[in-house]
Amino acid sequence: MQATLNGHVIADSGDIVETGGYAYFPASATRLDWLQKTEKTESDLACPHGVQFYDVVLDGQRYARAAWSYERPQPKMEAVGGRFGFWKDVTVA
């Protein structure tokens, strides 16, 4: 499975965890150099799993909050700990 944006492969792995309608990629299969942490909003801070959103930055263009990971996943989400999910402009297929 791949996460792509404008022809760039951000993540590529056969080791995918799917939950809540999203596919989560291992950090080792993700182009972390293209991700920049965003400031946490009140909603982010209220998340029991410690969500951290990232902007995807490609070719000088920033795609706001297009990726996320959980820093402190609760037991029901622990399978996605250390993994990245994508949405908005990112295609996952």
Protein backbone atom coordinates (compact mmCIF):
# COMPACT_ATOMS: atom_id res chain seq x y z
CA MET A 1 0.00 0.00 0.00
CA GLN A 2 1.21 3.54 -0.72
CA ALA A 3 0.44 7.04 0.48
CA THR A 4 1.03 9.46 -2.40
CA LEU A 5 0.74 13.17 -2.99
CA ASN A 6 1.25 14.80 -6.38
CA GLY A 7 3.20 11.81 -7.68
CA HIS A 8 5.46 11.58 -4.61
CA VAL A 9 5.38 8.41 -2.52
CA ILE A 10 5.28 9.50 1.13
CA ALA A 11 4.91 6.00 2.56
CA ASP A 12 5.09 2.52 1.06
CA SER A 13 4.59 -0.71 2.97
CA GLY A 14 2.86 -4.07 3.03
CA ASP A 15 2.82 -3.84 6.85
CA ILE A 16 -0.37 -1.81 7.29
CA VAL A 17 -2.65 -1.56 10.30
CA GLU A 18 -6.18 -0.50 9.36
CA THR A 19 -8.57 0.91 11.92
CA GLY A 20 -11.30 3.53 11.92
CA GLY A 21 -11.25 3.66 8.12
CA TYR A 22 -7.57 4.70 7.98
CA ALA A 23 -4.41 2.84 7.02
CA TYR A 24 -1.41 3.33 9.31
CA PHE A 25 2.12 2.98 7.92
CA PRO A 26 5.21 2.15 9.97
CA ALA A 27 7.55 5.08 10.60
CA SER A 28 10.34 3.10 8.93
CA ALA A 29 8.32 3.11 5.67
CA THR A 30 7.45 6.81 5.81
CA ARG A 31 9.41 9.76 4.39
CA LEU A 32 9.77 11.53 7.73
CA ASP A 33 11.94 14.20 6.08
CA TRP A 34 8.81 15.44 4.31
CA LEU A 35 6.79 15.76 7.54
CA GLN A 36 6.88 18.79 9.85
CA LYS A 37 5.16 18.78 13.24
CA THR A 38 2.32 21.25 13.63
CA GLU A 39 1.38 23.13 16.76
CA LYS A 40 -1.23 21.27 18.75
CA THR A 41 -4.75 22.67 18.84
CA GLU A 42 -7.08 22.39 21.85
CA SER A 43 -8.72 19.43 20.13
CA ASP A 44 -5.32 17.75 19.65
CA LEU A 45 -4.47 18.27 23.32
CA ALA A 46 -7.81 16.72 24.34
CA CYS A 47 -7.14 13.53 22.34
CA PRO A 48 -6.59 10.65 24.79
CA HIS A 49 -4.09 9.06 22.38
CA GLY A 50 -1.74 12.07 22.22
CA VAL A 51 -2.28 12.90 18.56
CA GLN A 52 0.43 14.81 16.72
CA PHE A 53 -0.39 16.22 13.31
CA TYR A 54 2.17 16.93 10.61
CA ASP A 55 2.24 19.12 7.54
CA VAL A 56 3.53 17.37 4.44
CA VAL A 57 6.03 19.64 2.67
CA LEU A 58 6.83 18.80 -0.97
CA ASP A 59 8.49 20.93 -3.61
CA GLY A 60 8.12 24.00 -1.39
CA GLN A 61 4.37 23.52 -0.93
CA ARG A 62 2.85 22.81 2.47
CA TYR A 63 -0.14 20.49 2.87
CA ALA A 64 -1.48 21.34 6.31
CA ARG A 65 -2.18 18.58 8.81
CA ALA A 66 -2.18 15.88 6.13
CA ALA A 67 -0.52 13.26 8.36
CA TRP A 68 -0.74 12.26 12.01
CA SER A 69 0.53 9.81 14.58
CA TYR A 70 -0.44 8.89 18.12
CA GLU A 71 2.23 9.51 20.74
CA ARG A 72 0.45 7.77 23.63
CA PRO A 73 -2.14 5.40 22.16
CA GLN A 74 -4.61 3.92 24.61
CA PRO A 75 -4.99 0.10 24.59
CA LYS A 76 -7.70 0.09 21.89
CA MET A 77 -5.35 2.01 19.54
CA GLU A 78 -1.96 0.61 20.62
CA ALA A 79 -1.57 -1.25 17.30
CA VAL A 80 -1.10 2.11 15.53
CA GLY A 81 1.53 3.44 17.93
CA GLY A 82 4.65 4.51 16.02
CA ARG A 83 2.72 4.58 12.75
CA PHE A 84 1.46 7.35 10.49
CA GLY A 85 -1.97 7.95 9.01
CA PHE A 86 -2.72 10.23 6.06
CA TRP A 87 -5.76 12.07 4.75
CA LYS A 88 -6.90 15.23 2.94
CA ASP A 89 -4.75 15.65 -0.21
CA VAL A 90 -2.90 12.35 0.29
CA THR A 91 -4.14 9.31 -1.62
CA VAL A 92 -3.81 5.97 0.15
CA ALA A 93 -4.19 2.89 -2.02
